[in-house]
Amino acid sequence: MRNPVRSEADAFHIVFGTAAVIAASAILGAVTVPLAGVALFVGALAGALFWELRTQDPDRRRPLREAALQGDRFARGDRRRVLVVANRTLRGEELRAELLRQAGSGAELRIVAPIHCSRAHYIASDIDAELREARSRLTEALEWASGEGLAASGVIGDPNVALGAIEDELRRSGADEVIVSTHPPGRSNWLETGIVERLRDELDIPVTHLVVDLERAPTAA
């Protein structure tokens, strides 16, 4: 929701508008019935509230968009850059098929694998097991990509929040598209945090959400 008061002019318009609505409601109630005046005031108040809730603040910071713009300035080469966000689904057939398709169109793939860890483990700095698992999945994925002749690289992401890892990568080299690979709804922590909606809201590039069901896939481990 935007901040409705950003200047003295905004404050004046709000005060003047409120006074006008109150006056109009009072006049309408006096010449007709009091209920009509109340209805006008309530309707005007509801309309103003709806407008505020539906209007985005143009001054709101969008760190992901800022990071992507900064990364674009430092990007090298003329190949499309696709940022792939995945960890536990890196072995999924759906994701690997999409990577093959992207590489076939000439894209350069950059994989970021944010570490999955519990809040207790993160606070206690006890993320060794999660770090080993993420590195193992990423190494396996990069070896597969190399065997397929794909231009791909990867990095382990911030163990705190996936969005922080994505922002870091966007700031380093930008991207022309972001692919987020998750478990199906109901089994994905990332979906519960609204990561896909946040990316689509802030970025001006395509954001693809790829659902990978490892419990059904024969490659699940």
Foldseek 3Di string as FASTA:
>chain_A
DADQDDDVVSVVVVVVVLVVLLVVLVVVCVVPNNVSSVVSNVVVVVVVVVVVVPDDHPPDDQLLAVLLVLQQVVADDDAAEEEEEEFLCLQFPQVVVVQVVNVVVRHAYEYEYEFEDDPVCVVVVNCVVSVVRRVVSQVVSVVVCVVVVGRYDYDYAHNPDSVRRSSVVSNNHHGQEYEYEAEPPPPGPCVVVVVQVSCVVRHPHYYHYHHGHLVPDPRRD
